[in-house]
Amino acid sequence: MKHSIVKRGIELKRASYKKLWKLLIDLEMNKKTLAEKSDVSVSTLAKMNRGESVNVEVLVKICTALNCSMDDIMELVEP
């Protein structure tokens, strides 16, 4: 179960990385290959798979490796 985050009485949206996983399928690339190509650890990708937050630098590395933009790999969704 994913918990919502409330800051100053506002329930924040959360990041969803479903777009990234779909893109990897389209590219016929697995997470291990992505980790190697983007210099991101497999454990960080596992955090993303669980819907946890990651540093923006991680997203930039992935976008650079896949030659895409952030909106190609993630979206903000309602809690």
C-alpha atoms as a PDB file:
ATOM      1  CA  MET A   1       0.000   0.000   0.000  1.00  0.00           C
ATOM      2  CA  LYS A   2       1.374   3.366  -0.981  1.00  0.00           C
ATOM      3  CA  HIS A   3       1.100   6.092   1.597  1.00  0.00           C
ATOM      4  CA  SER A   4       0.351   9.639   0.634  1.00  0.00           C
ATOM      5  CA  ILE A   5       2.595  12.494   1.664  1.00  0.00           C
ATOM      6  CA  VAL A   6       0.994  15.523   3.260  1.00  0.00           C
ATOM      7  CA  LYS A   7       2.914  18.799   3.460  1.00  0.00           C
ATOM      8  CA  ARG A   8       1.313  21.857   5.047  1.00  0.00           C
ATOM      9  CA  GLY A   9      -2.107  20.265   4.740  1.00  0.00           C
ATOM     10  CA  ILE A  10      -1.716  19.520   1.017  1.00  0.00           C
ATOM     11  CA  GLU A  11      -1.689  15.928  -0.178  1.00  0.00           C
ATOM     12  CA  LEU A  12       1.162  15.692  -2.685  1.00  0.00           C
ATOM     13  CA  LYS A  13       1.086  13.806  -5.958  1.00  0.00           C
ATOM     14  CA  ARG A  14       3.494  10.908  -6.290  1.00  0.00           C
ATOM     15  CA  ALA A  15       5.840   9.882  -9.088  1.00  0.00           C
ATOM     16  CA  SER A  16       4.884   6.921 -11.248  1.00  0.00           C
ATOM     17  CA  TYR A  17       7.574   5.273 -13.379  1.00  0.00           C
ATOM     18  CA  LYS A  18       5.213   3.051 -15.408  1.00  0.00           C
ATOM     19  CA  LYS A  19       6.209   4.950 -18.537  1.00  0.00           C
ATOM     20  CA  LEU A  20       9.844   3.929 -17.982  1.00  0.00           C
ATOM     21  CA  TRP A  21       8.985   0.245 -17.629  1.00  0.00           C
ATOM     22  CA  LYS A  22       6.844   0.375 -20.790  1.00  0.00           C
ATOM     23  CA  LEU A  23       9.660   2.149 -22.646  1.00  0.00           C
ATOM     24  CA  LEU A  24      12.118  -0.560 -21.610  1.00  0.00           C
ATOM     25  CA  ILE A  25       9.750  -3.201 -22.992  1.00  0.00           C
ATOM     26  CA  ASP A  26       9.479  -1.281 -26.274  1.00  0.00           C
ATOM     27  CA  LEU A  27      13.277  -1.028 -26.447  1.00  0.00           C
ATOM     28  CA  GLU A  28      13.648  -4.709 -25.497  1.00  0.00           C
ATOM     29  CA  MET A  29      15.960  -3.647 -22.677  1.00  0.00           C
ATOM     30  CA  ASN A  30      16.052  -5.087 -19.175  1.00  0.00           C
ATOM     31  CA  LYS A  31      16.669  -3.176 -15.961  1.00  0.00           C
ATOM     32  CA  LYS A  32      20.204  -4.535 -15.572  1.00  0.00           C
ATOM     33  CA  THR A  33      21.168  -3.202 -19.006  1.00  0.00           C
ATOM     34  CA  LEU A  34      19.569   0.143 -18.183  1.00  0.00           C
ATOM     35  CA  ALA A  35      21.536   0.270 -14.930  1.00  0.00           C
ATOM     36  CA  GLU A  36      24.804  -0.333 -16.780  1.00  0.00           C
ATOM     37  CA  LYS A  37      24.023   2.085 -19.612  1.00  0.00           C
ATOM     38  CA  SER A  38      22.872   4.901 -17.311  1.00  0.00           C
ATOM     39  CA  ASP A  39      25.330   4.338 -14.437  1.00  0.00           C
ATOM     40  CA  VAL A  40      22.418   3.951 -12.010  1.00  0.00           C
ATOM     41  CA  SER A  41      22.482   1.173  -9.448  1.00  0.00           C
ATOM     42  CA  VAL A  42      20.123  -1.777  -9.687  1.00  0.00           C
ATOM     43  CA  SER A  43      18.969  -0.999  -6.139  1.00  0.00           C
ATOM     44  CA  THR A  44      17.928   2.503  -7.244  1.00  0.00           C
ATOM     45  CA  LEU A  45      15.910   0.995 -10.086  1.00  0.00           C
ATOM     46  CA  ALA A  46      14.316  -1.337  -7.530  1.00  0.00           C
ATOM     47  CA  LYS A  47      13.290   1.729  -5.488  1.00  0.00           C
ATOM     48  CA  MET A  48      11.702   3.173  -8.603  1.00  0.00           C
ATOM     49  CA  ASN A  49       9.938  -0.119  -9.245  1.00  0.00           C
ATOM     50  CA  ARG A  50       8.391   0.182  -5.774  1.00  0.00           C
ATOM     51  CA  GLY A  51       7.276   3.735  -6.564  1.00  0.00           C
ATOM     52  CA  GLU A  52       9.719   5.349  -4.165  1.00  0.00           C
ATOM     53  CA  SER A  53      11.293   8.763  -4.766  1.00  0.00           C
ATOM     54  CA  VAL A  54      14.734   9.085  -6.324  1.00  0.00           C
ATOM     55  CA  ASN A  55      17.097  11.978  -6.902  1.00  0.00           C
ATOM     56  CA  VAL A  56      16.576  14.090 -10.019  1.00  0.00           C
ATOM     57  CA  GLU A  57      20.162  13.241 -11.031  1.00  0.00           C
ATOM     58  CA  VAL A  58      19.041   9.612 -11.416  1.00  0.00           C
ATOM     59  CA  LEU A  59      16.247  10.642 -13.752  1.00  0.00           C
ATOM     60  CA  VAL A  60      18.663  12.789 -15.790  1.00  0.00           C
ATOM     61  CA  LYS A  61      21.082   9.857 -16.138  1.00  0.00           C
ATOM     62  CA  ILE A  62      18.282   7.577 -17.328  1.00  0.00           C
ATOM     63  CA  CYS A  63      16.983  10.175 -19.787  1.00  0.00           C
ATOM     64  CA  THR A  64      20.487  10.715 -21.135  1.00  0.00           C
ATOM     65  CA  ALA A  65      21.055   6.970 -21.582  1.00  0.00           C
ATOM     66  CA  LEU A  66      17.698   6.503 -23.315  1.00  0.00           C
ATOM     67  CA  ASN A  67      17.838   9.793 -25.242  1.00  0.00           C
ATOM     68  CA  CYS A  68      14.446  10.868 -23.939  1.00  0.00           C
ATOM     69  CA  SER A  69      12.881  13.464 -21.650  1.00  0.00           C
ATOM     70  CA  MET A  70      11.547  13.098 -18.124  1.00  0.00           C
ATOM     71  CA  ASP A  71       7.939  13.075 -19.260  1.00  0.00           C
ATOM     72  CA  ASP A  72       8.820   9.958 -21.314  1.00  0.00           C
ATOM     73  CA  ILE A  73       9.771   8.005 -18.191  1.00  0.00           C
ATOM     74  CA  MET A  74       7.608   9.361 -15.375  1.00  0.00           C
ATOM     75  CA  GLU A  75       4.425  11.172 -14.510  1.00  0.00           C
ATOM     76  CA  LEU A  76       2.848  12.642 -11.419  1.00  0.00           C
ATOM     77  CA  VAL A  77      -0.287  10.833 -10.282  1.00  0.00           C
ATOM     78  CA  GLU A  78      -2.900  11.497  -7.665  1.00  0.00           C
ATOM     79  CA  PRO A  79      -2.196   9.917  -4.271  1.00  0.00           C
END
